Amino acid sequence: MGKNKKLIKIQNEVTTYLKKCGNLPKKNLLNFRYLDQGIIDSLNLIKFIFFLEKKFKIKIKTKDSESDQFRYIGGLAKLIFKKIK
């Protein structure tokens, strides 16, 4: 699978999970700052991280979850992509 297809697959998985947590915008989805908009609260953030780690067989470190990249869908997908390479 090519780089773009893998990245799109990751974006779709993240988006599907977040849609279960709240309403996502129809435009500029990859730049949507789901944490800043309250889509996930602190308890659900822990569940979300566990989901990501299990789904993609990665480890998300504290520094990852505190990064700006982690706070928006496109950035999170890129972070995951780098970890599974």
Protein backbone atom coordinates (compact mmCIF):
# COMPACT_ATOMS: atom_id res chain seq x y z
CA MET A 1 0.00 0.00 0.00
CA GLY A 2 1.36 3.42 -0.94
CA LYS A 3 2.11 6.21 1.50
CA ASN A 4 -0.95 8.26 0.58
CA LYS A 5 -3.30 5.27 0.86
CA LYS A 6 -1.91 4.40 4.30
CA LEU A 7 -2.26 7.98 5.48
CA ILE A 8 -5.83 8.19 4.17
CA LYS A 9 -6.69 4.92 5.90
CA ILE A 10 -5.35 6.30 9.19
CA GLN A 11 -7.28 9.55 8.72
CA ASN A 12 -10.46 7.56 8.07
CA GLU A 13 -10.00 5.44 11.20
CA VAL A 14 -9.39 8.52 13.37
CA THR A 15 -12.35 10.35 11.84
CA THR A 16 -14.69 7.38 12.27
CA TYR A 17 -13.79 7.14 15.97
CA LEU A 18 -14.21 10.88 16.54
CA LYS A 19 -17.59 10.95 14.78
CA LYS A 20 -18.85 8.61 17.52
CA CYS A 21 -17.78 11.21 20.11
CA GLY A 22 -19.37 14.30 18.59
CA ASN A 23 -20.14 16.37 15.52
CA LEU A 24 -17.29 16.99 13.13
CA PRO A 25 -17.21 19.75 10.50
CA LYS A 26 -17.93 18.98 6.87
CA LYS A 27 -15.08 21.23 5.62
CA ASN A 28 -11.41 21.38 6.59
CA LEU A 29 -11.74 18.13 8.52
CA LEU A 30 -8.01 17.43 8.60
CA ASN A 31 -7.38 20.78 10.31
CA PHE A 32 -10.18 20.31 12.83
CA ARG A 33 -8.86 20.70 16.38
CA TYR A 34 -11.00 18.06 18.07
CA LEU A 35 -9.50 18.58 21.53
CA ASP A 36 -9.91 22.36 21.47
CA GLN A 37 -13.54 21.92 20.38
CA GLY A 38 -14.36 19.52 23.22
CA ILE A 39 -15.14 16.52 21.04
CA ILE A 40 -13.16 14.41 23.52
CA ASP A 41 -12.99 15.09 27.25
CA SER A 42 -10.14 13.94 29.51
CA LEU A 43 -11.65 10.53 30.32
CA ASN A 44 -12.48 9.79 26.70
CA LEU A 45 -9.02 10.98 25.68
CA ILE A 46 -7.54 8.04 27.59
CA LYS A 47 -9.93 5.66 25.81
CA PHE A 48 -9.04 7.27 22.48
CA ILE A 49 -5.31 6.80 23.09
CA PHE A 50 -5.88 3.13 24.02
CA PHE A 51 -7.90 2.68 20.83
CA LEU A 52 -5.15 4.22 18.69
CA GLU A 53 -2.42 2.15 20.34
CA LYS A 54 -4.35 -1.08 19.86
CA LYS A 55 -5.62 -0.34 16.36
CA PHE A 56 -2.26 0.73 14.94
CA LYS A 57 0.00 -1.32 17.24
CA ILE A 58 1.90 1.79 18.38
CA LYS A 59 2.80 3.46 21.65
CA ILE A 60 1.71 7.05 22.15
CA LYS A 61 4.03 8.77 24.60
CA THR A 62 3.11 11.69 26.84
CA LYS A 63 5.15 14.04 24.64
CA ASP A 64 3.11 12.85 21.63
CA SER A 65 -0.23 13.52 23.30
CA GLU A 66 0.94 16.95 24.47
CA SER A 67 2.15 18.01 21.02
CA ASP A 68 0.25 20.41 18.80
CA GLN A 69 0.25 17.77 16.06
CA PHE A 70 -1.85 15.47 18.27
CA ARG A 71 -4.59 18.12 18.62
CA TYR A 72 -5.89 18.04 15.03
CA ILE A 73 -6.97 15.15 12.82
CA GLY A 74 -4.44 15.59 10.02
CA GLY A 75 -1.55 16.01 12.43
CA LEU A 76 -2.55 13.00 14.48
CA ALA A 77 -2.76 10.87 11.33
CA LYS A 78 0.77 11.94 10.35
CA LEU A 79 2.06 11.19 13.86
CA ILE A 80 0.55 7.69 13.71
CA PHE A 81 1.90 7.15 10.18
CA LYS A 82 5.45 7.95 11.34
CA LYS A 83 5.14 5.48 14.22
CA ILE A 84 3.96 2.56 12.07
CA LYS A 85 6.57 2.99 9.31
